[in-house]
N, C-alpha and C. Protein backbone atom coordinates (compact mmCIF):
# COMPACT_ATOMS: atom_id res chain seq x y z
N MET A 1 -8.22 26.48 22.39
CA MET A 1 -8.23 26.66 21.15
C MET A 1 -7.37 25.48 20.45
N VAL A 2 -8.05 24.72 19.47
CA VAL A 2 -7.45 23.55 18.80
C VAL A 2 -6.90 24.03 17.52
N ARG A 3 -5.83 23.57 17.28
CA ARG A 3 -5.04 23.95 15.85
C ARG A 3 -5.40 22.73 15.19
N ASN A 4 -5.69 23.09 13.87
CA ASN A 4 -6.28 22.08 12.72
C ASN A 4 -5.00 21.89 11.91
N ASP A 5 -4.03 22.76 11.88
CA ASP A 5 -2.94 22.55 10.84
C ASP A 5 -1.98 21.78 11.44
N ARG A 6 -1.24 20.88 10.48
CA ARG A 6 -0.21 19.94 10.88
C ARG A 6 1.01 20.07 10.17
N LEU A 7 2.08 19.77 10.69
CA LEU A 7 3.33 19.69 10.03
C LEU A 7 3.20 18.44 9.19
N ILE A 8 3.30 18.39 7.85
CA ILE A 8 3.21 17.28 7.04
C ILE A 8 4.71 16.99 6.74
N GLN A 9 5.07 15.75 7.04
CA GLN A 9 6.40 15.43 6.79
C GLN A 9 6.39 14.74 5.20
N GLU A 10 7.39 15.32 4.46
CA GLU A 10 7.59 14.80 3.18
C GLU A 10 8.06 13.37 3.14
N HIS A 11 7.82 12.78 2.15
CA HIS A 11 8.27 11.32 2.00
C HIS A 11 9.60 11.39 1.52
N VAL A 12 10.58 10.57 2.14
CA VAL A 12 11.95 10.68 1.67
C VAL A 12 12.11 9.07 0.91
N HIS A 13 12.52 9.27 -0.50
CA HIS A 13 12.27 7.98 -1.26
C HIS A 13 13.71 7.43 -0.98
N ASP A 14 13.64 6.15 -0.51
CA ASP A 14 14.75 5.19 -0.53
C ASP A 14 14.45 3.94 -1.44
N PRO A 15 14.77 3.74 -2.53
CA PRO A 15 14.42 2.59 -3.37
C PRO A 15 15.04 1.35 -2.80
N TYR A 16 15.72 1.12 -1.67
CA TYR A 16 15.99 -0.17 -1.08
C TYR A 16 15.16 -0.40 0.11
N PHE A 17 14.38 0.56 0.60
CA PHE A 17 13.40 0.26 1.65
C PHE A 17 12.24 -0.55 1.19
N VAL A 18 12.05 -1.58 1.87
CA VAL A 18 11.00 -2.62 1.35
C VAL A 18 9.56 -2.13 2.15
N ARG A 19 8.61 -1.85 1.35
CA ARG A 19 7.31 -1.73 2.18
C ARG A 19 6.66 -2.72 2.86
N GLY A 20 6.89 -4.02 2.10
CA GLY A 20 6.29 -5.13 2.63
C GLY A 20 7.43 -5.65 3.75
N LYS A 21 6.86 -6.87 4.21
CA LYS A 21 7.97 -7.62 5.00
C LYS A 21 8.69 -8.70 4.33
N TYR A 22 9.66 -9.00 4.82
CA TYR A 22 10.50 -10.31 4.39
C TYR A 22 9.86 -11.43 4.97
N HIS A 23 10.02 -12.63 4.38
CA HIS A 23 9.52 -13.71 5.17
C HIS A 23 10.38 -13.85 6.34
N ASP A 24 9.67 -14.32 7.44
CA ASP A 24 10.27 -14.56 8.80
C ASP A 24 10.52 -15.98 8.99
N PRO A 25 11.72 -16.64 9.11
CA PRO A 25 13.02 -15.71 8.96
C PRO A 25 13.58 -15.84 7.55
N SER A 26 14.26 -14.93 7.30
CA SER A 26 15.13 -14.78 6.10
C SER A 26 16.52 -14.69 6.19
N VAL A 27 17.41 -15.13 5.42
CA VAL A 27 18.80 -15.07 5.28
C VAL A 27 19.34 -14.51 4.08
N CYS A 28 20.19 -13.32 4.03
CA CYS A 28 20.80 -12.79 3.06
C CYS A 28 21.84 -13.84 2.47
N ALA A 29 21.74 -14.15 1.15
CA ALA A 29 22.36 -15.14 0.45
C ALA A 29 23.77 -14.55 0.28
N LYS A 30 24.24 -13.28 0.49
CA LYS A 30 25.48 -12.71 0.16
C LYS A 30 26.25 -12.59 1.41
N CYS A 31 25.61 -12.14 2.66
CA CYS A 31 26.31 -11.80 3.69
C CYS A 31 25.87 -12.50 5.12
N ASN A 32 24.91 -13.37 4.94
CA ASN A 32 24.23 -14.15 5.98
C ASN A 32 23.74 -13.29 7.17
N LEU A 33 23.16 -12.19 6.72
CA LEU A 33 22.43 -11.32 7.65
C LEU A 33 21.04 -11.92 7.80
N VAL A 34 20.60 -11.91 9.00
CA VAL A 34 19.12 -12.54 9.29
C VAL A 34 18.12 -11.58 9.55
N PHE A 35 17.05 -11.81 8.83
CA PHE A 35 15.73 -10.98 9.20
C PHE A 35 14.86 -12.06 10.09
N HIS A 36 14.61 -11.49 11.15
CA HIS A 36 13.85 -12.36 12.21
C HIS A 36 13.20 -11.60 13.28
N ASP A 37 11.86 -11.70 13.34
CA ASP A 37 11.09 -11.07 14.42
C ASP A 37 11.15 -9.55 13.97
N GLY A 38 10.95 -9.18 12.62
CA GLY A 38 10.86 -7.92 12.23
C GLY A 38 12.03 -7.05 12.14
N VAL A 39 13.43 -7.59 12.42
CA VAL A 39 14.53 -6.83 12.39
C VAL A 39 15.55 -7.64 11.59
N PHE A 40 16.62 -6.84 11.18
CA PHE A 40 17.99 -7.47 10.85
C PHE A 40 18.96 -7.50 11.95
N ASP A 41 19.61 -8.72 11.93
CA ASP A 41 20.55 -8.92 12.97
C ASP A 41 21.37 -10.02 12.42
N TRP A 42 22.84 -10.06 13.11
CA TRP A 42 23.75 -10.94 12.79
C TRP A 42 23.50 -12.08 13.79
N THR A 43 23.35 -13.47 13.23
CA THR A 43 23.04 -14.47 14.07
C THR A 43 24.01 -15.69 13.66
N ASP A 44 24.71 -16.33 14.75
CA ASP A 44 25.60 -17.27 14.48
C ASP A 44 24.93 -18.67 14.23
N GLY A 45 23.96 -18.96 14.70
CA GLY A 45 23.18 -20.17 14.53
C GLY A 45 22.14 -20.10 13.02
N ALA A 46 22.09 -21.46 12.71
CA ALA A 46 21.12 -21.54 11.48
C ALA A 46 19.66 -21.59 11.96
N LEU A 47 18.89 -21.16 11.01
CA LEU A 47 17.36 -20.84 11.27
C LEU A 47 16.66 -21.78 10.37
N PRO A 48 15.97 -22.77 10.91
CA PRO A 48 15.23 -23.77 9.81
C PRO A 48 14.32 -22.95 9.26
N ASN A 49 13.72 -23.31 8.05
CA ASN A 49 12.94 -22.65 7.16
C ASN A 49 13.28 -21.32 6.81
N ALA A 50 14.44 -21.07 6.87
CA ALA A 50 14.84 -19.42 6.56
C ALA A 50 14.93 -19.65 4.92
N ARG A 51 14.16 -18.40 4.41
CA ARG A 51 14.49 -18.25 2.91
C ARG A 51 15.46 -17.45 2.56
N LYS A 52 16.22 -17.59 1.55
CA LYS A 52 17.31 -16.88 1.18
C LYS A 52 16.67 -15.51 0.37
N MET A 53 17.31 -14.44 0.55
CA MET A 53 16.88 -13.20 -0.01
C MET A 53 18.41 -12.27 -0.06
N VAL A 54 18.26 -11.13 -0.78
CA VAL A 54 19.42 -10.30 -0.58
C VAL A 54 18.84 -9.03 0.28
N CYS A 55 19.73 -8.76 1.17
CA CYS A 55 19.43 -7.75 2.08
C CYS A 55 19.54 -6.36 1.42
N PRO A 56 18.96 -5.21 2.01
CA PRO A 56 19.15 -3.75 1.35
C PRO A 56 20.65 -3.41 1.24
N ALA A 57 21.39 -3.67 2.01
CA ALA A 57 22.66 -3.37 2.23
C ALA A 57 23.45 -3.92 0.99
N CYS A 58 23.32 -5.21 0.73
CA CYS A 58 23.98 -6.05 -0.40
C CYS A 58 23.48 -5.49 -1.73
N LYS A 59 22.17 -5.23 -1.73
CA LYS A 59 21.66 -4.73 -2.95
C LYS A 59 22.30 -3.17 -3.34
N ARG A 60 22.60 -2.34 -2.34
CA ARG A 60 23.06 -1.08 -2.49
C ARG A 60 24.54 -1.28 -2.95
N ILE A 61 25.27 -2.34 -2.40
CA ILE A 61 26.60 -2.54 -2.89
C ILE A 61 26.68 -2.96 -4.20
N ASP A 62 25.83 -4.02 -4.53
CA ASP A 62 25.72 -4.44 -5.89
C ASP A 62 25.59 -3.42 -7.02
N ASP A 63 24.39 -2.55 -6.46
CA ASP A 63 24.14 -1.47 -7.57
C ASP A 63 25.08 -0.22 -7.43
N ASN A 64 26.04 -0.26 -6.55
CA ASN A 64 27.04 0.88 -6.57
C ASN A 64 26.28 2.12 -5.93
N TYR A 65 25.35 2.13 -5.26
CA TYR A 65 24.22 3.28 -4.66
C TYR A 65 24.82 3.57 -3.41
N GLU A 66 25.55 4.60 -3.09
CA GLU A 66 26.03 4.82 -1.95
C GLU A 66 24.84 5.73 -1.22
N GLY A 67 25.02 5.71 0.34
CA GLY A 67 24.20 6.45 1.08
C GLY A 67 24.91 7.59 1.92
N GLY A 68 26.23 7.34 1.80
CA GLY A 68 27.00 8.27 2.43
C GLY A 68 28.41 8.44 1.81
N HIS A 69 29.03 9.50 1.73
CA HIS A 69 30.56 9.67 1.20
C HIS A 69 31.33 10.63 2.16
N VAL A 70 32.29 9.99 2.55
CA VAL A 70 33.26 10.60 3.51
C VAL A 70 34.58 10.82 2.82
N VAL A 71 35.12 12.19 2.85
CA VAL A 71 36.35 12.58 2.47
C VAL A 71 37.13 13.06 3.60
N LEU A 72 38.31 12.45 3.82
CA LEU A 72 39.26 13.13 4.77
C LEU A 72 40.53 13.29 4.10
N GLU A 73 40.95 14.62 4.32
CA GLU A 73 42.11 15.20 3.63
C GLU A 73 43.13 15.99 4.71
N GLY A 74 44.16 16.17 4.08
CA GLY A 74 45.27 16.86 4.76
C GLY A 74 46.58 16.51 4.90
N ALA A 75 47.58 17.11 5.25
CA ALA A 75 48.86 16.52 5.34
C ALA A 75 49.01 15.83 6.73
N PHE A 76 48.16 15.87 7.57
CA PHE A 76 48.04 14.88 8.81
C PHE A 76 48.04 13.53 8.62
N LEU A 77 47.26 13.35 7.41
CA LEU A 77 47.14 11.86 6.95
C LEU A 77 48.46 11.17 6.76
N ALA A 78 49.25 11.95 6.03
CA ALA A 78 50.62 11.29 5.81
C ALA A 78 51.33 10.36 6.80
N GLY A 79 51.28 10.94 8.03
CA GLY A 79 51.97 10.20 9.08
C GLY A 79 51.11 9.43 9.88
N HIS A 80 49.66 9.55 9.65
CA HIS A 80 48.62 8.79 10.46
C HIS A 80 47.84 8.12 9.89
N LYS A 81 48.13 7.49 8.63
CA LYS A 81 47.19 6.98 7.85
C LYS A 81 46.48 5.63 8.37
N GLU A 82 47.58 4.81 8.89
CA GLU A 82 46.95 3.53 9.38
C GLU A 82 46.10 3.73 10.77
N ASP A 83 46.34 4.65 11.61
CA ASP A 83 45.57 5.03 12.61
C ASP A 83 44.21 5.43 12.39
N VAL A 84 44.19 6.37 11.32
CA VAL A 84 42.89 6.75 10.79
C VAL A 84 42.08 5.78 10.32
N VAL A 85 42.69 4.85 9.48
CA VAL A 85 41.88 3.71 8.75
C VAL A 85 41.33 2.73 10.06
N ASN A 86 42.13 2.51 10.86
CA ASN A 86 41.82 1.88 12.15
C ASN A 86 40.46 2.52 12.81
N THR A 87 40.47 3.71 12.97
CA THR A 87 39.35 4.44 13.57
C THR A 87 38.17 4.38 12.58
N ILE A 88 38.44 4.36 11.36
CA ILE A 88 37.23 4.36 10.56
C ILE A 88 36.64 2.87 10.60
N LYS A 89 37.54 2.09 10.67
CA LYS A 89 36.85 0.48 10.72
C LYS A 89 36.26 0.24 12.18
N ARG A 90 36.81 0.85 13.15
CA ARG A 90 36.08 0.69 14.39
C ARG A 90 34.84 1.41 14.45
N ALA A 91 34.66 2.39 13.94
CA ALA A 91 33.53 3.18 13.73
C ALA A 91 32.32 2.40 13.19
N GLU A 92 33.04 1.82 11.87
CA GLU A 92 31.91 0.99 11.24
C GLU A 92 31.57 -0.33 12.03
N GLU A 93 32.31 -1.01 12.73
CA GLU A 93 32.11 -2.19 13.30
C GLU A 93 31.15 -1.77 14.56
N HIS A 94 31.34 -0.62 15.26
CA HIS A 94 30.32 -0.21 16.36
C HIS A 94 28.95 0.01 15.66
N GLU A 95 28.89 0.62 14.42
CA GLU A 95 27.53 1.02 13.85
C GLU A 95 26.90 -0.14 13.33
N LYS A 96 27.74 -1.10 12.87
CA LYS A 96 27.13 -2.38 12.28
C LYS A 96 26.54 -3.23 13.51
N ARG A 97 27.03 -3.28 14.58
CA ARG A 97 26.36 -3.69 15.72
C ARG A 97 24.93 -3.42 16.00
N GLN A 98 24.64 -2.04 15.91
CA GLN A 98 23.34 -1.46 16.22
C GLN A 98 22.53 -1.55 14.99
N ARG A 99 23.24 -1.31 13.88
CA ARG A 99 22.43 -1.19 12.50
C ARG A 99 23.25 -2.09 11.56
N PRO A 100 22.76 -3.37 11.43
CA PRO A 100 23.43 -4.16 10.57
C PRO A 100 23.44 -3.86 9.06
N LEU A 101 22.73 -2.94 8.65
CA LEU A 101 22.70 -2.64 7.28
C LEU A 101 23.79 -1.47 6.91
N GLU A 102 24.48 -0.98 8.05
CA GLU A 102 25.03 0.12 7.91
C GLU A 102 26.63 -0.40 7.45
N ARG A 103 27.19 -0.27 6.41
CA ARG A 103 28.46 -0.93 6.08
C ARG A 103 29.37 0.26 5.21
N ILE A 104 30.68 -0.07 5.32
CA ILE A 104 31.50 0.68 4.26
C ILE A 104 31.46 -0.26 2.82
N MET A 105 31.11 0.48 1.79
CA MET A 105 31.21 0.04 0.54
C MET A 105 32.52 -0.19 -0.09
N ASP A 106 33.33 0.83 -0.06
CA ASP A 106 34.78 0.80 -0.27
C ASP A 106 35.44 2.03 0.34
N LEU A 107 36.74 1.87 0.64
CA LEU A 107 37.82 2.59 1.34
C LEU A 107 39.08 2.84 0.42
N VAL A 108 39.17 3.96 -0.04
CA VAL A 108 40.46 4.32 -0.85
C VAL A 108 41.25 5.08 -0.20
N VAL A 109 42.62 4.53 -0.03
CA VAL A 109 43.46 5.50 0.65
C VAL A 109 44.57 5.82 -0.33
N ALA A 110 44.79 7.30 -0.28
CA ALA A 110 45.96 7.94 -0.97
C ALA A 110 46.80 8.54 -0.46
N LYS A 111 47.73 9.35 -0.78
CA LYS A 111 48.87 9.91 0.13
C LYS A 111 48.31 10.93 1.18
N ASP A 112 47.53 11.82 0.76
CA ASP A 112 46.85 12.83 1.77
C ASP A 112 45.53 12.86 1.70
N ARG A 113 44.88 11.70 1.31
CA ARG A 113 43.42 11.83 1.17
C ARG A 113 42.86 10.43 1.31
N ILE A 114 41.63 10.23 1.98
CA ILE A 114 40.98 9.02 2.25
C ILE A 114 39.64 9.13 1.95
N GLU A 115 39.00 8.33 1.16
CA GLU A 115 37.54 8.42 0.73
C GLU A 115 36.93 6.94 1.07
N VAL A 116 35.75 7.26 1.80
CA VAL A 116 34.93 6.20 2.06
C VAL A 116 33.42 6.29 1.76
N ARG A 117 33.08 5.18 1.02
CA ARG A 117 31.62 5.31 0.66
C ARG A 117 30.91 4.12 1.37
N THR A 118 29.75 4.54 1.77
CA THR A 118 28.98 3.87 2.89
C THR A 118 27.50 3.52 2.35
N THR A 119 27.05 2.58 2.85
CA THR A 119 25.48 1.90 2.36
C THR A 119 24.44 3.08 2.92
N TYR A 120 24.64 3.52 4.06
CA TYR A 120 23.69 4.53 4.60
C TYR A 120 24.34 5.65 5.20
N GLU A 121 23.60 6.64 5.54
CA GLU A 121 24.22 7.87 6.12
C GLU A 121 24.82 7.87 7.51
N HIS A 122 24.08 6.97 8.42
CA HIS A 122 24.38 6.71 9.81
C HIS A 122 25.97 6.48 9.80
N VAL A 123 26.35 5.60 9.11
CA VAL A 123 27.63 5.06 9.19
C VAL A 123 28.63 6.19 8.90
N ALA A 124 28.36 6.85 8.08
CA ALA A 124 29.17 7.90 7.25
C ALA A 124 29.32 9.00 8.37
N ARG A 125 28.37 9.38 9.04
CA ARG A 125 28.21 10.41 10.08
C ARG A 125 29.23 10.06 11.17
N ARG A 126 28.93 8.70 11.68
CA ARG A 126 29.66 8.25 12.81
C ARG A 126 31.20 8.09 12.46
N ILE A 127 31.56 7.86 11.29
CA ILE A 127 33.01 7.67 10.80
C ILE A 127 33.66 9.14 11.03
N GLY A 128 32.86 10.25 10.40
CA GLY A 128 33.40 11.60 10.55
C GLY A 128 33.41 11.94 11.99
N GLN A 129 32.51 11.63 12.72
CA GLN A 129 32.53 12.15 14.37
C GLN A 129 33.65 11.46 14.93
N ALA A 130 33.86 10.29 14.65
CA ALA A 130 34.96 9.41 15.27
C ALA A 130 36.27 9.87 14.97
N VAL A 131 36.63 10.18 13.67
CA VAL A 131 37.81 10.91 13.35
C VAL A 131 37.98 12.11 13.87
N HIS A 132 36.91 12.91 13.94
CA HIS A 132 36.96 14.28 14.49
C HIS A 132 37.36 14.21 16.04
N LYS A 133 36.50 13.44 16.67
CA LYS A 133 36.95 13.32 18.20
C LYS A 133 38.20 12.72 18.32
N ALA A 134 38.89 11.74 17.49
CA ALA A 134 40.09 11.33 17.78
C ALA A 134 41.34 12.27 17.44
N TYR A 135 41.14 13.10 16.32
CA TYR A 135 42.17 13.80 15.68
C TYR A 135 41.96 15.28 15.47
N LYS A 136 40.82 15.73 15.96
CA LYS A 136 40.32 17.00 15.98
C LYS A 136 40.28 17.44 14.40
N GLY A 137 40.69 18.84 14.02
CA GLY A 137 40.42 19.13 12.57
C GLY A 137 39.37 19.74 12.34
N ASP A 138 38.85 19.95 11.01
CA ASP A 138 37.68 20.65 10.64
C ASP A 138 36.70 19.59 10.11
N LEU A 139 35.63 19.44 10.66
CA LEU A 139 34.52 18.51 10.16
C LEU A 139 33.35 19.24 9.60
N LYS A 140 32.81 18.90 8.49
CA LYS A 140 31.58 19.33 7.85
C LYS A 140 30.67 18.15 7.33
N MET A 141 29.33 18.37 7.64
CA MET A 141 28.45 17.43 7.16
C MET A 141 27.43 18.19 6.26
N GLN A 142 27.03 17.57 5.18
CA GLN A 142 26.00 18.06 4.28
C GLN A 142 24.96 17.13 4.07
N TYR A 143 23.84 17.52 4.14
CA TYR A 143 22.50 16.72 3.97
C TYR A 143 21.83 17.16 2.87
N PRO A 144 21.83 16.66 1.62
CA PRO A 144 21.08 17.39 0.62
C PRO A 144 19.75 17.14 0.87
N GLU A 145 18.90 18.28 0.77
CA GLU A 145 17.42 18.31 0.97
C GLU A 145 16.74 17.28 0.12
N GLY A 146 15.89 16.58 1.00
CA GLY A 146 14.95 15.48 0.35
C GLY A 146 15.61 14.23 -0.08
N GLU A 147 17.05 14.02 0.28
CA GLU A 147 17.67 12.79 -0.01
C GLU A 147 18.21 12.09 1.41
N LYS A 148 18.28 10.71 1.25
CA LYS A 148 18.56 10.05 2.22
C LYS A 148 20.19 9.78 1.99
N PHE A 149 20.98 10.86 2.22
CA PHE A 149 22.33 10.84 1.97
C PHE A 149 23.15 11.93 2.72
N VAL A 150 24.38 11.66 2.89
CA VAL A 150 25.21 12.68 3.67
C VAL A 150 26.70 12.74 3.03
N ARG A 151 27.13 13.80 2.96
CA ARG A 151 28.45 14.05 2.45
C ARG A 151 29.25 14.49 3.83
N VAL A 152 30.34 13.96 4.06
CA VAL A 152 31.02 14.22 5.22
C VAL A 152 32.52 14.63 4.86
N TYR A 153 32.87 15.83 5.25
CA TYR A 153 34.27 16.37 4.96
C TYR A 153 35.11 16.56 6.27
N TRP A 154 36.52 16.05 6.27
CA TRP A 154 37.17 16.30 7.35
C TRP A 154 38.44 16.67 6.86
N ARG A 155 39.02 17.60 7.43
CA ARG A 155 40.56 18.08 6.97
C ARG A 155 41.19 18.41 8.33
N ARG A 156 42.65 17.93 8.04
CA ARG A 156 43.52 18.49 9.23
C ARG A 156 44.98 18.66 8.45
N ASP A 157 45.53 19.71 8.54
CA ASP A 157 46.90 19.98 7.83
C ASP A 157 47.91 19.82 8.97
């Protein structure tokens, strides 16, 4: 028996996803991220004939259009703020090596609250998981249906 019905995947709209290809090679005028051989990557050397463009991550930052929002709260932060911020930055660096478009847009540190806005959802999720793994506490992630976005909440008192 052959099934003729199929699960149809809905299109997730991301206005920063380019359907066409960038010129190969291209270099972001803002962050020097290189598009070469179909992928974005960090390259130390100069590429001849590279065109200037603005990468999707820099466009998101310029437009203030976040892909992830992380909120860390609780009395625990008062005595461990520096350690938690270092954990956040290490998680971002690890994610940026694998996915160069995944970045922290801004990081706001208050007395018992840290807020992080990210360019895409992967780095927000990784930050939440890294903080939870290192310091335990309660971790919740919300993916609004039909959106390419995540809200991450972590709390420890």
